[in-house]
Amino acid sequence: MNIFVSYTTRDKVIDRQLLEDASEILSAYGSFYIDLLHNDSQDKQAYVCHMLSQSDVLVLIESCSIKESSWVLWELCEAERIGIPVLYIPAMSSKKEILKNIRFKLNSEFKKLTKRTSKDALTRAA
């Protein structure tokens, strides 16, 4: 499963360390893309677009400032447009709680997501 992580660092709770810690959780569920950690492309915007288009699920780390981020809003609209499900992860508390929320949401949704991913792969192959 390919996971695209959407977030904004405008809120102090989401930073490089939190995203690195989240990486450890995400790696148990498939490959993942976190822009701050993985985008060393010359054309950063095009690379984000490409990585989102290759994703099976978008994980939104939902902090207070996401509505102020034009990129997060674009990612959500694009995910909806191309049919990528969005998992909303509340990020209104401590980093420890955010990581716990990521783990819980992925655990609870993983079977549904892998079934959906398998069906999509069969549809694309047909």
Protein backbone atom coordinates (compact mmCIF):
# COMPACT_ATOMS: atom_id res chain seq x y z
CA MET A 1 0.00 0.00 0.00
CA ASN A 2 1.25 3.49 -0.91
CA ILE A 3 0.56 6.10 1.76
CA PHE A 4 0.70 9.86 1.17
CA VAL A 5 0.97 11.92 4.36
CA SER A 6 -0.56 15.40 4.33
CA TYR A 7 0.13 17.94 7.08
CA THR A 8 1.26 21.47 7.77
CA THR A 9 4.12 22.52 10.00
CA ARG A 10 2.40 25.81 10.84
CA ASP A 11 1.36 24.24 14.13
CA LYS A 12 4.37 23.73 16.37
CA VAL A 13 3.31 20.20 17.27
CA ILE A 14 4.04 18.90 13.74
CA ASP A 15 7.75 19.04 13.01
CA ARG A 16 10.48 16.92 11.45
CA GLN A 17 10.87 14.79 14.59
CA LEU A 18 7.17 13.94 14.74
CA LEU A 19 7.21 13.02 11.04
CA GLU A 20 10.29 10.84 11.53
CA ASP A 21 8.58 9.12 14.46
CA ALA A 22 5.45 8.65 12.33
CA SER A 23 7.65 7.03 9.66
CA GLU A 24 8.36 4.14 11.99
CA ILE A 25 4.62 3.48 12.34
CA LEU A 26 3.82 3.97 8.66
CA SER A 27 6.55 1.59 7.49
CA ALA A 28 4.59 -1.33 8.96
CA TYR A 29 1.74 -0.63 6.52
CA GLY A 30 3.56 -0.12 3.23
CA SER A 31 5.59 2.50 1.45
CA PHE A 32 4.88 6.10 2.33
CA TYR A 33 5.66 9.62 1.25
CA ILE A 34 6.22 12.56 3.60
CA ASP A 35 7.21 15.67 1.68
CA LEU A 36 9.49 17.17 4.33
CA LEU A 37 11.44 13.92 4.57
CA HIS A 38 11.37 12.61 1.00
CA ASN A 39 11.19 15.47 -1.50
CA ASP A 40 14.62 16.35 -2.85
CA SER A 41 13.35 16.89 -6.40
CA GLN A 42 14.22 19.95 -8.46
CA ASP A 43 10.51 20.46 -9.19
CA LYS A 44 9.07 19.89 -5.75
CA GLN A 45 5.46 20.66 -6.69
CA ALA A 46 5.46 18.23 -9.62
CA TYR A 47 6.94 15.54 -7.38
CA VAL A 48 4.20 16.04 -4.78
CA CYS A 49 1.59 15.71 -7.55
CA HIS A 50 3.22 12.53 -8.82
CA MET A 51 3.49 10.94 -5.40
CA LEU A 52 -0.13 11.72 -4.58
CA SER A 53 -1.28 10.22 -7.88
CA GLN A 54 0.55 6.98 -7.01
CA SER A 55 -1.00 6.71 -3.54
CA ASP A 56 -3.65 4.32 -2.28
CA VAL A 57 -4.54 6.38 0.78
CA LEU A 58 -3.94 9.89 2.09
CA VAL A 59 -3.25 10.20 5.81
CA LEU A 60 -4.12 13.71 6.95
CA ILE A 61 -2.51 14.80 10.19
CA GLU A 62 -5.30 17.18 11.07
CA SER A 63 -3.91 20.10 13.07
CA CYS A 64 -5.54 23.47 13.67
CA SER A 65 -3.84 25.16 10.71
CA ILE A 66 -4.66 22.74 7.90
CA LYS A 67 -7.40 25.04 6.60
CA GLU A 68 -4.79 27.79 6.19
CA SER A 69 -2.56 25.65 3.99
CA SER A 70 -3.34 25.90 0.30
CA TRP A 71 -1.22 22.77 -0.30
CA VAL A 72 -3.13 20.66 2.20
CA LEU A 73 -6.42 21.85 0.72
CA TRP A 74 -5.19 21.04 -2.79
CA GLU A 75 -4.03 17.56 -1.67
CA LEU A 76 -7.44 16.84 -0.15
CA CYS A 77 -9.30 18.03 -3.25
CA GLU A 78 -7.00 16.06 -5.53
CA ALA A 79 -7.38 12.91 -3.43
CA GLU A 80 -11.14 13.25 -3.65
CA ARG A 81 -10.99 13.92 -7.40
CA ILE A 82 -9.00 10.77 -8.12
CA GLY A 83 -10.76 8.60 -5.54
CA ILE A 84 -8.08 8.20 -2.89
CA PRO A 85 -9.57 7.61 0.58
CA VAL A 86 -8.53 9.99 3.34
CA LEU A 87 -7.77 8.93 6.91
CA TYR A 88 -8.17 11.86 9.29
CA ILE A 89 -5.76 11.79 12.23
CA PRO A 90 -6.55 14.28 15.00
CA ALA A 91 -3.50 16.35 15.91
CA MET A 92 -4.79 18.68 18.58
CA SER A 93 -2.76 17.32 21.48
CA SER A 94 0.73 16.08 22.29
CA LYS A 95 3.09 14.40 19.86
CA LYS A 96 2.71 11.17 21.79
CA GLU A 97 -1.08 11.30 21.31
CA ILE A 98 -0.72 12.09 17.59
CA LEU A 99 1.49 9.03 17.09
CA LYS A 100 -0.98 6.94 19.07
CA ASN A 101 -3.80 8.26 16.84
CA ILE A 102 -1.86 7.36 13.68
CA ARG A 103 -1.22 3.83 14.92
CA PHE A 104 -4.86 3.37 15.99
CA LYS A 105 -6.35 4.69 12.75
CA LEU A 106 -4.08 2.60 10.54
CA ASN A 107 -4.75 -0.51 12.63
CA SER A 108 -8.49 -0.01 12.47
CA GLU A 109 -8.61 0.80 8.74
CA PHE A 110 -5.83 -1.41 7.34
CA LYS A 111 -7.98 -4.40 6.31
CA LYS A 112 -10.54 -2.18 4.56
CA LEU A 113 -7.79 -0.28 2.77
CA THR A 114 -5.97 -3.38 1.56
CA LYS A 115 -9.21 -4.85 0.22
CA ARG A 116 -9.89 -1.59 -1.62
CA THR A 117 -6.32 -1.49 -2.96
CA SER A 118 -6.63 -5.07 -4.24
CA LYS A 119 -9.93 -4.29 -5.99
CA ASP A 120 -8.44 -1.16 -7.57
CA ALA A 121 -5.44 -3.13 -8.84
CA LEU A 122 -7.75 -5.70 -10.45
CA THR A 123 -9.84 -2.95 -12.03
CA ARG A 124 -6.74 -1.22 -13.45
CA ALA A 125 -5.45 -4.52 -14.87
CA ALA A 126 -8.72 -5.31 -16.66
